[in-house]
PDB file of N, CA and C in Angstrom:
ATOM      1  N   ALA A   1      -6.090  40.219   9.049  1.00  0.00           N
ATOM      2  CA  ALA A   1      -5.264  39.045   8.241  1.00  0.00           C
ATOM      3  C   ALA A   1      -5.396  37.432   8.773  1.00  0.00           C
ATOM      4  N   THR A   2      -5.530  37.463  10.439  1.00  0.00           N
ATOM      5  CA  THR A   2      -5.481  36.099  10.763  1.00  0.00           C
ATOM      6  C   THR A   2      -6.745  35.252  10.274  1.00  0.00           C
ATOM      7  N   ASP A   3      -7.927  36.159  10.021  1.00  0.00           N
ATOM      8  CA  ASP A   3      -9.050  35.525   9.667  1.00  0.00           C
ATOM      9  C   ASP A   3      -8.796  34.690   8.355  1.00  0.00           C
ATOM     10  N   VAL A   4      -7.832  35.201   7.619  1.00  0.00           N
ATOM     11  CA  VAL A   4      -7.837  34.745   6.480  1.00  0.00           C
ATOM     12  C   VAL A   4      -7.093  33.650   6.554  1.00  0.00           C
ATOM     13  N   VAL A   5      -5.684  34.022   7.314  1.00  0.00           N
ATOM     14  CA  VAL A   5      -4.453  32.970   6.862  1.00  0.00           C
ATOM     15  C   VAL A   5      -4.996  31.823   7.880  1.00  0.00           C
ATOM     16  N   ASP A   6      -5.679  31.760   8.983  1.00  0.00           N
ATOM     17  CA  ASP A   6      -5.800  30.946   9.774  1.00  0.00           C
ATOM     18  C   ASP A   6      -6.516  29.556   9.434  1.00  0.00           C
ATOM     19  N   PRO A   7      -7.998  29.972   8.573  1.00  0.00           N
ATOM     20  CA  PRO A   7      -8.482  28.886   8.017  1.00  0.00           C
ATOM     21  C   PRO A   7      -7.790  28.307   6.961  1.00  0.00           C
ATOM     22  N   MET A   8      -6.961  29.128   6.190  1.00  0.00           N
ATOM     23  CA  MET A   8      -6.189  28.426   4.979  1.00  0.00           C
ATOM     24  C   MET A   8      -4.894  27.224   5.580  1.00  0.00           C
ATOM     25  N   LEU A   9      -4.360  27.564   6.785  1.00  0.00           N
ATOM     26  CA  LEU A   9      -3.412  26.895   7.409  1.00  0.00           C
ATOM     27  C   LEU A   9      -4.393  25.440   7.907  1.00  0.00           C
ATOM     28  N   LYS A  10      -5.349  25.791   8.320  1.00  0.00           N
ATOM     29  CA  LYS A  10      -5.892  24.266   9.054  1.00  0.00           C
ATOM     30  C   LYS A  10      -6.432  23.762   7.692  1.00  0.00           C
ATOM     31  N   ASN A  11      -6.630  24.188   6.777  1.00  0.00           N
ATOM     32  CA  ASN A  11      -7.025  23.363   5.636  1.00  0.00           C
ATOM     33  C   ASN A  11      -5.648  22.406   5.044  1.00  0.00           C
ATOM     34  N   PHE A  12      -4.559  23.543   4.967  1.00  0.00           N
ATOM     35  CA  PHE A  12      -3.228  22.897   4.422  1.00  0.00           C
ATOM     36  C   PHE A  12      -2.854  21.503   5.397  1.00  0.00           C
ATOM     37  N   VAL A  13      -3.034  21.878   6.708  1.00  0.00           N
ATOM     38  CA  VAL A  13      -2.629  21.014   7.300  1.00  0.00           C
ATOM     39  C   VAL A  13      -3.568  19.576   7.285  1.00  0.00           C
ATOM     40  N   ARG A  14      -4.793  19.438   7.378  1.00  0.00           N
ATOM     41  CA  ARG A  14      -5.744  18.801   7.124  1.00  0.00           C
ATOM     42  C   ARG A  14      -5.579  17.854   6.032  1.00  0.00           C
ATOM     43  N   ARG A  15      -5.080  18.864   4.671  1.00  0.00           N
ATOM     44  CA  ARG A  15      -5.208  17.788   3.692  1.00  0.00           C
ATOM     45  C   ARG A  15      -3.615  17.137   3.484  1.00  0.00           C
ATOM     46  N   LEU A  16      -2.453  18.010   4.068  1.00  0.00           N
ATOM     47  CA  LEU A  16      -1.305  17.316   4.212  1.00  0.00           C
ATOM     48  C   LEU A  16      -1.063  16.527   5.174  1.00  0.00           C
ATOM     49  N   GLY A  17      -1.710  16.215   6.091  1.00  0.00           N
ATOM     50  CA  GLY A  17      -1.128  15.138   7.284  1.00  0.00           C
ATOM     51  C   GLY A  17      -1.514  13.809   7.080  1.00  0.00           C
ATOM     52  N   PRO A  18      -2.348  13.415   6.212  1.00  0.00           N
ATOM     53  CA  PRO A  18      -2.412  12.172   5.725  1.00  0.00           C
ATOM     54  C   PRO A  18      -1.408  11.488   4.609  1.00  0.00           C
ATOM     55  N   VAL A  19      -0.851  12.474   3.930  1.00  0.00           N
ATOM     56  CA  VAL A  19       0.170  12.575   3.101  1.00  0.00           C
ATOM     57  C   VAL A  19       1.578  12.313   3.791  1.00  0.00           C
ATOM     58  N   ILE A  20       1.739  13.348   4.545  1.00  0.00           N
ATOM     59  CA  ILE A  20       3.229  13.336   5.462  1.00  0.00           C
ATOM     60  C   ILE A  20       2.912  11.613   6.324  1.00  0.00           C
ATOM     61  N   ALA A  21       1.888  11.366   6.968  1.00  0.00           N
ATOM     62  CA  ALA A  21       1.865   9.934   7.764  1.00  0.00           C
ATOM     63  C   ALA A  21       2.120   8.985   6.415  1.00  0.00           C
ATOM     64  N   ILE A  22       1.807   9.104   5.366  1.00  0.00           N
ATOM     65  CA  ILE A  22       2.169   7.970   4.550  1.00  0.00           C
ATOM     66  C   ILE A  22       3.567   7.822   3.914  1.00  0.00           C
ATOM     67  N   GLU A  23       4.265   9.108   3.883  1.00  0.00           N
ATOM     68  CA  GLU A  23       5.530   9.322   3.476  1.00  0.00           C
ATOM     69  C   GLU A  23       6.286   8.772   4.575  1.00  0.00           C
ATOM     70  N   LEU A  24       6.147   9.011   5.881  1.00  0.00           N
ATOM     71  CA  LEU A  24       6.757   8.440   7.005  1.00  0.00           C
ATOM     72  C   LEU A  24       6.834   7.092   7.234  1.00  0.00           C
ATOM     73  N   GLN A  25       5.601   6.519   6.670  1.00  0.00           N
ATOM     74  CA  GLN A  25       5.378   4.517   6.825  1.00  0.00           C
ATOM     75  C   GLN A  25       6.318   4.341   5.724  1.00  0.00           C
ATOM     76  N   PHE A  26       6.393   4.759   4.799  1.00  0.00           N
ATOM     77  CA  PHE A  26       7.353   4.276   3.384  1.00  0.00           C
ATOM     78  C   PHE A  26       8.904   4.424   3.926  1.00  0.00           C
ATOM     79  N   ALA A  27       8.917   5.644   4.378  1.00  0.00           N
ATOM     80  CA  ALA A  27      10.328   5.902   4.843  1.00  0.00           C
ATOM     81  C   ALA A  27      10.724   5.024   5.778  1.00  0.00           C
ATOM     82  N   GLN A  28      10.095   4.918   6.603  1.00  0.00           N
ATOM     83  CA  GLN A  28      10.510   3.443   7.762  1.00  0.00           C
ATOM     84  C   GLN A  28      10.983   1.955   7.266  1.00  0.00           C
ATOM     85  N   PHE A  29      10.512   1.834   6.125  1.00  0.00           N
ATOM     86  CA  PHE A  29      10.801   0.528   5.874  1.00  0.00           C
ATOM     87  C   PHE A  29      11.918   0.233   4.541  1.00  0.00           C
ATOM     88  N   GLY A  30      12.679   1.579   4.490  1.00  0.00           N
ATOM     89  CA  GLY A  30      13.889   1.592   3.584  1.00  0.00           C
ATOM     90  C   GLY A  30      13.814   1.521   2.206  1.00  0.00           C
ATOM     91  N   SER A  31      14.666   1.138   1.403  1.00  0.00           N
ATOM     92  CA  SER A  31      15.020   0.996   0.038  1.00  0.00           C
ATOM     93  C   SER A  31      13.840  -0.149  -0.555  1.00  0.00           C
ATOM     94  N   ILE A  32      13.541  -0.148  -1.640  1.00  0.00           N
ATOM     95  CA  ILE A  32      12.699  -1.044  -2.668  1.00  0.00           C
ATOM     96  C   ILE A  32      13.420  -2.485  -2.490  1.00  0.00           C
ATOM     97  N   ARG A  33      14.665  -2.455  -2.604  1.00  0.00           N
ATOM     98  CA  ARG A  33      15.318  -3.639  -2.399  1.00  0.00           C
ATOM     99  C   ARG A  33      15.159  -4.587  -1.161  1.00  0.00           C
ATOM    100  N   HIS A  34      15.351  -3.730  -0.290  1.00  0.00           N
ATOM    101  CA  HIS A  34      15.363  -4.117   1.268  1.00  0.00           C
ATOM    102  C   HIS A  34      13.550  -4.423   1.760  1.00  0.00           C
ATOM    103  N   ILE A  35      12.831  -3.724   1.176  1.00  0.00           N
ATOM    104  CA  ILE A  35      11.311  -3.938   1.242  1.00  0.00           C
ATOM    105  C   ILE A  35      11.235  -5.342   0.623  1.00  0.00           C
ATOM    106  N   ARG A  36      11.382  -5.448  -0.707  1.00  0.00           N
ATOM    107  CA  ARG A  36      11.121  -6.532  -1.191  1.00  0.00           C
ATOM    108  C   ARG A  36      11.780  -7.840  -0.674  1.00  0.00           C
ATOM    109  N   THR A  37      13.048  -7.969  -0.623  1.00  0.00           N
ATOM    110  CA  THR A  37      13.751  -8.915   0.348  1.00  0.00           C
ATOM    111  C   THR A  37      12.945  -9.322   1.631  1.00  0.00           C
ATOM    112  N   GLN A  38      12.484  -8.521   2.413  1.00  0.00           N
ATOM    113  CA  GLN A  38      11.619  -8.711   3.637  1.00  0.00           C
ATOM    114  C   GLN A  38      10.467  -9.613   3.464  1.00  0.00           C
ATOM    115  N   ALA A  39       9.959  -8.866   2.494  1.00  0.00           N
ATOM    116  CA  ALA A  39       8.493  -9.318   2.016  1.00  0.00           C
ATOM    117  C   ALA A  39       8.808 -10.782   1.673  1.00  0.00           C
ATOM    118  N   GLN A  40       9.523 -11.147   0.880  1.00  0.00           N
ATOM    119  CA  GLN A  40      10.145 -12.603   0.318  1.00  0.00           C
ATOM    120  C   GLN A  40      10.298 -13.547   1.765  1.00  0.00           C
ATOM    121  N   ARG A  41      10.599 -12.916   2.436  1.00  0.00           N
ATOM    122  CA  ARG A  41      11.289 -13.615   3.587  1.00  0.00           C
ATOM    123  C   ARG A  41       9.855 -13.997   4.544  1.00  0.00           C
ATOM    124  N   GLY A  42       8.974 -13.408   3.988  1.00  0.00           N
ATOM    125  CA  GLY A  42       7.461 -13.496   4.809  1.00  0.00           C
ATOM    126  C   GLY A  42       7.130 -12.585   5.916  1.00  0.00           C
ATOM    127  N   SER A  43       7.849 -11.065   5.728  1.00  0.00           N
ATOM    128  CA  SER A  43       7.231 -10.382   6.667  1.00  0.00           C
ATOM    129  C   SER A  43       5.920  -9.669   6.303  1.00  0.00           C
ATOM    130  N   ALA A  44       5.013  -9.455   7.071  1.00  0.00           N
ATOM    131  CA  ALA A  44       3.695  -9.250   6.867  1.00  0.00           C
ATOM    132  C   ALA A  44       3.482  -7.863   6.584  1.00  0.00           C
ATOM    133  N   PRO A  45       4.357  -6.867   7.451  1.00  0.00           N
ATOM    134  CA  PRO A  45       4.188  -5.623   7.263  1.00  0.00           C
ATOM    135  C   PRO A  45       4.844  -5.126   5.931  1.00  0.00           C
ATOM    136  N   HIS A  46       6.061  -5.610   5.725  1.00  0.00           N
ATOM    137  CA  HIS A  46       6.972  -5.272   4.442  1.00  0.00           C
ATOM    138  C   HIS A  46       5.991  -5.931   3.267  1.00  0.00           C
ATOM    139  N   GLN A  47       5.126  -6.985   3.062  1.00  0.00           N
ATOM    140  CA  GLN A  47       4.314  -7.543   2.386  1.00  0.00           C
ATOM    141  C   GLN A  47       3.093  -6.350   2.210  1.00  0.00           C
ATOM    142  N   PHE A  48       2.771  -6.015   3.123  1.00  0.00           N
ATOM    143  CA  PHE A  48       1.630  -5.152   3.079  1.00  0.00           C
ATOM    144  C   PHE A  48       2.320  -3.759   2.270  1.00  0.00           C
ATOM    145  N   ILE A  49       3.389  -3.387   2.879  1.00  0.00           N
ATOM    146  CA  ILE A  49       3.908  -2.034   2.038  1.00  0.00           C
ATOM    147  C   ILE A  49       4.296  -2.311   0.454  1.00  0.00           C
ATOM    148  N   LEU A  50       4.832  -3.292   0.115  1.00  0.00           N
ATOM    149  CA  LEU A  50       5.133  -3.707  -0.904  1.00  0.00           C
ATOM    150  C   LEU A  50       3.798  -3.795  -2.053  1.00  0.00           C
ATOM    151  N   GLY A  51       2.820  -4.426  -1.368  1.00  0.00           N
ATOM    152  CA  GLY A  51       1.351  -4.477  -1.911  1.00  0.00           C
ATOM    153  C   GLY A  51       1.109  -2.816  -2.217  1.00  0.00           C
ATOM    154  N   LEU A  52       0.817  -2.204  -1.354  1.00  0.00           N
ATOM    155  CA  LEU A  52       0.374  -0.668  -1.583  1.00  0.00           C
ATOM    156  C   LEU A  52       1.530   0.088  -2.346  1.00  0.00           C
ATOM    157  N   MET A  53       2.735  -0.247  -2.369  1.00  0.00           N
ATOM    158  CA  MET A  53       3.576   0.485  -3.242  1.00  0.00           C
ATOM    159  C   MET A  53       3.225   0.304  -4.690  1.00  0.00           C
ATOM    160  N   HIS A  54       3.056  -1.192  -5.064  1.00  0.00           N
ATOM    161  CA  HIS A  54       2.159  -1.617  -6.201  1.00  0.00           C
ATOM    162  C   HIS A  54       0.780  -0.877  -6.877  1.00  0.00           C
ATOM    163  N   PHE A  55       0.336  -0.989  -5.621  1.00  0.00           N
ATOM    164  CA  PHE A  55      -1.037  -0.305  -5.735  1.00  0.00           C
ATOM    165  C   PHE A  55      -1.082   1.186  -6.104  1.00  0.00           C
ATOM    166  N   GLN A  56      -0.043   2.010  -5.544  1.00  0.00           N
ATOM    167  CA  GLN A  56      -0.097   3.171  -5.890  1.00  0.00           C
ATOM    168  C   GLN A  56       0.798   3.546  -7.022  1.00  0.00           C
ATOM    169  N   GLY A  57       1.671   2.953  -7.388  1.00  0.00           N
ATOM    170  CA  GLY A  57       2.863   2.933  -8.440  1.00  0.00           C
ATOM    171  C   GLY A  57       3.942   3.632  -7.349  1.00  0.00           C
ATOM    172  N   ARG A  58       4.184   3.644  -6.359  1.00  0.00           N
ATOM    173  CA  ARG A  58       5.150   4.478  -5.924  1.00  0.00           C
ATOM    174  C   ARG A  58       6.393   3.812  -5.562  1.00  0.00           C
ATOM    175  N   GLY A  59       7.420   4.213  -6.567  1.00  0.00           N
ATOM    176  CA  GLY A  59       8.900   3.358  -6.440  1.00  0.00           C
ATOM    177  C   GLY A  59       9.063   2.234  -7.285  1.00  0.00           C
ATOM    178  N   VAL A  60       7.715   1.797  -7.756  1.00  0.00           N
ATOM    179  CA  VAL A  60       7.589   0.563  -8.613  1.00  0.00           C
ATOM    180  C   VAL A  60       6.234   0.927  -9.724  1.00  0.00           C
ATOM    181  N   ALA A  61       6.250  -0.173 -10.642  1.00  0.00           N
ATOM    182  CA  ALA A  61       5.196   0.079 -11.625  1.00  0.00           C
ATOM    183  C   ALA A  61       3.698  -0.323 -10.781  1.00  0.00           C
ATOM    184  N   THR A  62       3.081   0.516 -11.083  1.00  0.00           N
ATOM    185  CA  THR A  62       1.650   0.141 -10.929  1.00  0.00           C
ATOM    186  C   THR A  62       1.027  -1.233 -11.257  1.00  0.00           C
ATOM    187  N   ASP A  63       0.640  -2.071 -10.631  1.00  0.00           N
ATOM    188  CA  ASP A  63       0.309  -3.293 -11.059  1.00  0.00           C
ATOM    189  C   ASP A  63      -0.631  -3.920 -10.007  1.00  0.00           C
ATOM    190  N   LEU A  64      -1.805  -3.932 -10.173  1.00  0.00           N
ATOM    191  CA  LEU A  64      -2.781  -4.247  -9.525  1.00  0.00           C
ATOM    192  C   LEU A  64      -2.838  -6.171  -9.175  1.00  0.00           C
ATOM    193  N   VAL A  65      -2.433  -6.885 -10.076  1.00  0.00           N
ATOM    194  CA  VAL A  65      -2.199  -8.329  -9.779  1.00  0.00           C
ATOM    195  C   VAL A  65      -1.010  -8.127  -8.767  1.00  0.00           C
ATOM    196  N   GLU A  66       0.283  -7.680  -9.018  1.00  0.00           N
ATOM    197  CA  GLU A  66       1.134  -7.853  -7.871  1.00  0.00           C
ATOM    198  C   GLU A  66       0.969  -7.226  -6.403  1.00  0.00           C
ATOM    199  N   ALA A  67       0.131  -6.067  -6.390  1.00  0.00           N
ATOM    200  CA  ALA A  67      -0.399  -5.448  -5.243  1.00  0.00           C
ATOM    201  C   ALA A  67      -1.272  -6.235  -4.627  1.00  0.00           C
ATOM    202  N   PHE A  68      -2.280  -7.197  -5.517  1.00  0.00           N
ATOM    203  CA  PHE A  68      -2.852  -7.799  -4.825  1.00  0.00           C
ATOM    204  C   PHE A  68      -2.255  -9.177  -4.040  1.00  0.00           C
ATOM    205  N   VAL A  69      -1.279  -9.769  -4.889  1.00  0.00           N
ATOM    206  CA  VAL A  69      -0.439 -10.793  -4.224  1.00  0.00           C
ATOM    207  C   VAL A  69       0.237 -10.680  -2.999  1.00  0.00           C
ATOM    208  N   TRP A  70       0.425  -9.333  -2.947  1.00  0.00           N
ATOM    209  CA  TRP A  70       1.598  -8.899  -1.462  1.00  0.00           C
ATOM    210  C   TRP A  70       0.500  -8.362  -0.524  1.00  0.00           C
ATOM    211  N   ALA A  71      -0.676  -7.853  -0.969  1.00  0.00           N
ATOM    212  CA  ALA A  71      -1.516  -7.679   0.130  1.00  0.00           C
ATOM    213  C   ALA A  71      -2.171  -8.988   0.852  1.00  0.00           C
ATOM    214  N   THR A  72      -2.453  -9.941  -0.230  1.00  0.00           N
ATOM    215  CA  THR A  72      -3.188 -11.123   0.262  1.00  0.00           C
ATOM    216  C   THR A  72      -2.208 -12.204   1.125  1.00  0.00           C
ATOM    217  N   ARG A  73      -0.990 -12.026   0.939  1.00  0.00           N
ATOM    218  CA  ARG A  73       0.155 -12.751   1.598  1.00  0.00           C
ATOM    219  C   ARG A  73       0.069 -11.958   3.127  1.00  0.00           C
ATOM    220  N   ALA A  74       0.056 -10.698   3.288  1.00  0.00           N
ATOM    221  CA  ALA A  74       0.197  -9.981   4.481  1.00  0.00           C
ATOM    222  C   ALA A  74      -1.245 -10.332   5.099  1.00  0.00           C
ATOM    223  N   ALA A  75      -2.199  -9.999   4.553  1.00  0.00           N
ATOM    224  CA  ALA A  75      -3.954 -10.617   5.080  1.00  0.00           C
ATOM    225  C   ALA A  75      -3.706 -12.007   5.588  1.00  0.00           C
ATOM    226  N   ASN A  76      -3.190 -12.700   4.856  1.00  0.00           N
ATOM    227  CA  ASN A  76      -3.453 -14.366   5.272  1.00  0.00           C
ATOM    228  C   ASN A  76      -2.644 -14.493   6.493  1.00  0.00           C
ATOM    229  N   GLN A  77      -1.607 -13.528   7.036  1.00  0.00           N
ATOM    230  CA  GLN A  77      -0.766 -13.757   8.204  1.00  0.00           C
ATOM    231  C   GLN A  77      -1.414 -12.475   9.194  1.00  0.00           C
ATOM    232  N   GLY A  78      -2.795 -12.377   9.013  1.00  0.00           N
ATOM    233  CA  GLY A  78      -3.490 -11.595  10.141  1.00  0.00           C
ATOM    234  C   GLY A  78      -3.598  -9.863  10.055  1.00  0.00           C
ATOM    235  N   HIS A  79      -2.482  -9.281   8.853  1.00  0.00           N
ATOM    236  CA  HIS A  79      -2.258  -8.019   8.803  1.00  0.00           C
ATOM    237  C   HIS A  79      -3.471  -7.289   8.540  1.00  0.00           C
ATOM    238  N   ARG A  80      -4.126  -6.642   9.434  1.00  0.00           N
ATOM    239  CA  ARG A  80      -5.638  -5.844   9.203  1.00  0.00           C
ATOM    240  C   ARG A  80      -5.558  -4.805   8.294  1.00  0.00           C
ATOM    241  N   GLU A  81      -4.630  -4.088   8.159  1.00  0.00           N
ATOM    242  CA  GLU A  81      -4.739  -3.002   7.239  1.00  0.00           C
ATOM    243  C   GLU A  81      -4.423  -3.579   5.635  1.00  0.00           C
ATOM    244  N   ALA A  82      -3.574  -4.763   5.772  1.00  0.00           N
ATOM    245  CA  ALA A  82      -3.582  -5.455   4.400  1.00  0.00           C
ATOM    246  C   ALA A  82      -4.834  -5.687   3.628  1.00  0.00           C
ATOM    247  N   ASN A  83      -5.756  -6.693   4.596  1.00  0.00           N
ATOM    248  CA  ASN A  83      -6.887  -7.200   4.519  1.00  0.00           C
ATOM    249  C   ASN A  83      -7.951  -5.796   3.805  1.00  0.00           C
ATOM    250  N   GLN A  84      -7.988  -4.767   4.412  1.00  0.00           N
ATOM    251  CA  GLN A  84      -8.649  -3.556   3.568  1.00  0.00           C
ATOM    252  C   GLN A  84      -7.861  -3.284   2.307  1.00  0.00           C
ATOM    253  N   LEU A  85      -6.896  -3.097   2.180  1.00  0.00           N
ATOM    254  CA  LEU A  85      -6.074  -3.001   1.108  1.00  0.00           C
ATOM    255  C   LEU A  85      -6.269  -3.834   0.069  1.00  0.00           C
ATOM    256  N   ARG A  86      -6.706  -5.211   0.401  1.00  0.00           N
ATOM    257  CA  ARG A  86      -6.670  -6.079  -0.559  1.00  0.00           C
ATOM    258  C   ARG A  86      -8.141  -6.209  -1.100  1.00  0.00           C
ATOM    259  N   GLU A  87      -8.740  -5.761  -0.400  1.00  0.00           N
ATOM    260  CA  GLU A  87     -10.622  -5.377  -0.575  1.00  0.00           C
ATOM    261  C   GLU A  87     -10.667  -4.271  -1.541  1.00  0.00           C
ATOM    262  N   THR A  88      -9.741  -3.356  -1.355  1.00  0.00           N
ATOM    263  CA  THR A  88      -9.583  -2.019  -2.352  1.00  0.00           C
ATOM    264  C   THR A  88      -9.547  -2.528  -3.533  1.00  0.00           C
ATOM    265  N   ILE A  89      -8.078  -3.126  -3.684  1.00  0.00           N
ATOM    266  CA  ILE A  89      -7.229  -3.828  -4.758  1.00  0.00           C
ATOM    267  C   ILE A  89      -8.498  -4.676  -5.634  1.00  0.00           C
ATOM    268  N   THR A  90      -8.967  -5.626  -4.970  1.00  0.00           N
ATOM    269  CA  THR A  90     -10.079  -6.572  -5.589  1.00  0.00           C
ATOM    270  C   THR A  90     -11.191  -5.690  -6.241  1.00  0.00           C
ATOM    271  N   GLY A  91     -11.687  -4.784  -5.683  1.00  0.00           N
ATOM    272  CA  GLY A  91     -12.725  -3.902  -6.514  1.00  0.00           C
ATOM    273  C   GLY A  91     -12.426  -2.835  -7.631  1.00  0.00           C
ATOM    274  N   LYS A  92     -11.042  -3.144  -7.618  1.00  0.00           N
ATOM    275  CA  LYS A  92     -10.655  -2.387  -9.154  1.00  0.00           C
ATOM    276  C   LYS A  92     -10.102  -3.180 -10.123  1.00  0.00           C
ATOM    277  N   MET A  93     -10.117  -4.505 -10.193  1.00  0.00           N
ATOM    278  CA  MET A  93      -9.411  -5.723 -10.651  1.00  0.00           C
ATOM    279  C   MET A  93     -10.687  -6.247 -11.542  1.00  0.00           C
ATOM    280  N   SER A  94     -10.144  -6.624 -12.850  1.00  0.00           N
ATOM    281  CA  SER A  94     -10.999  -7.071 -13.503  1.00  0.00           C
ATOM    282  C   SER A  94     -10.769  -8.788 -13.182  1.00  0.00           C
ATOM    283  N   PHE A  95     -11.788  -9.668 -13.906  1.00  0.00           N
ATOM    284  CA  PHE A  95     -11.787 -11.217 -13.422  1.00  0.00           C
ATOM    285  C   PHE A  95     -10.658 -11.647 -13.685  1.00  0.00           C
ATOM    286  N   GLU A  96      -9.785 -11.363 -15.038  1.00  0.00           N
ATOM    287  CA  GLU A  96      -8.851 -11.990 -15.382  1.00  0.00           C
ATOM    288  C   GLU A  96      -7.614 -11.660 -14.387  1.00  0.00           C
ATOM    289  N   GLN A  97      -7.549 -10.400 -14.144  1.00  0.00           N
ATOM    290  CA  GLN A  97      -6.615 -10.013 -12.977  1.00  0.00           C
ATOM    291  C   GLN A  97      -6.619 -10.888 -11.535  1.00  0.00           C
ATOM    292  N   PHE A  98      -7.735 -10.914 -11.199  1.00  0.00           N
ATOM    293  CA  PHE A  98      -8.073 -11.555 -10.011  1.00  0.00           C
ATOM    294  C   PHE A  98      -7.959 -12.963  -9.913  1.00  0.00           C
ATOM    295  N   SER A  99      -8.210 -13.397 -10.880  1.00  0.00           N
ATOM    296  CA  SER A  99      -7.722 -14.963 -11.373  1.00  0.00           C
ATOM    297  C   SER A  99      -6.344 -15.110 -11.345  1.00  0.00           C
ATOM    298  N   GLU A 100      -5.514 -14.436 -12.070  1.00  0.00           N
ATOM    299  CA  GLU A 100      -3.901 -14.093 -11.975  1.00  0.00           C
ATOM    300  C   GLU A 100      -3.467 -14.059 -10.654  1.00  0.00           C
ATOM    301  N   GLY A 101      -3.999 -13.040  -9.751  1.00  0.00           N
ATOM    302  CA  GLY A 101      -3.670 -13.254  -8.641  1.00  0.00           C
ATOM    303  C   GLY A 101      -3.765 -14.166  -7.780  1.00  0.00           C
ATOM    304  N   MET A 102      -5.108 -15.021  -7.832  1.00  0.00           N
ATOM    305  CA  MET A 102      -5.250 -15.901  -7.016  1.00  0.00           C
ATOM    306  C   MET A 102      -4.243 -17.301  -7.347  1.00  0.00           C
ATOM    307  N   LYS A 103      -3.932 -17.262  -8.383  1.00  0.00           N
ATOM    308  CA  LYS A 103      -3.010 -18.423  -9.298  1.00  0.00           C
ATOM    309  C   LYS A 103      -1.584 -18.350  -8.570  1.00  0.00           C
ATOM    310  N   ARG A 104      -1.221 -16.608  -8.403  1.00  0.00           N
ATOM    311  CA  ARG A 104       0.070 -16.359  -7.973  1.00  0.00           C
ATOM    312  C   ARG A 104       0.242 -16.127  -6.717  1.00  0.00           C
ATOM    313  N   VAL A 105      -0.881 -16.135  -5.884  1.00  0.00           N
ATOM    314  CA  VAL A 105      -0.774 -16.369  -4.364  1.00  0.00           C
ATOM    315  C   VAL A 105      -0.487 -18.103  -4.124  1.00  0.00           C
ATOM    316  N   ARG A 106      -1.336 -18.770  -4.684  1.00  0.00           N
ATOM    317  CA  ARG A 106      -1.148 -20.108  -4.407  1.00  0.00           C
ATOM    318  C   ARG A 106       0.147 -20.855  -4.874  1.00  0.00           C
ATOM    319  N   GLU A 107       0.963 -20.099  -5.664  1.00  0.00           N
ATOM    320  CA  GLU A 107       2.397 -20.566  -6.104  1.00  0.00           C
ATOM    321  C   GLU A 107       3.384 -20.184  -5.073  1.00  0.00           C
TER     322      GLU A 107
END
């Protein structure tokens, strides 16, 4: 019985581990209102999380332009993960979305 269960548990933990890590990361930042307030005040970690939330549609509407704006703001402050997120988002954006995102970053 353990020959069957053990591989199943290992596979389950391997798949669930990253999900749990992401959920813990979101939980440490608090409510969406708090995240947005801190992001607007210039907190790079909060800007990154807000960008990730908009990219994934977690607690907010999925919006590539908004995700790009917040990820870019965090990346411009040296947030390494935000730079990776921005590259991922950029790869999924249309030219028009990218142009709008760049315009909003400059505002």
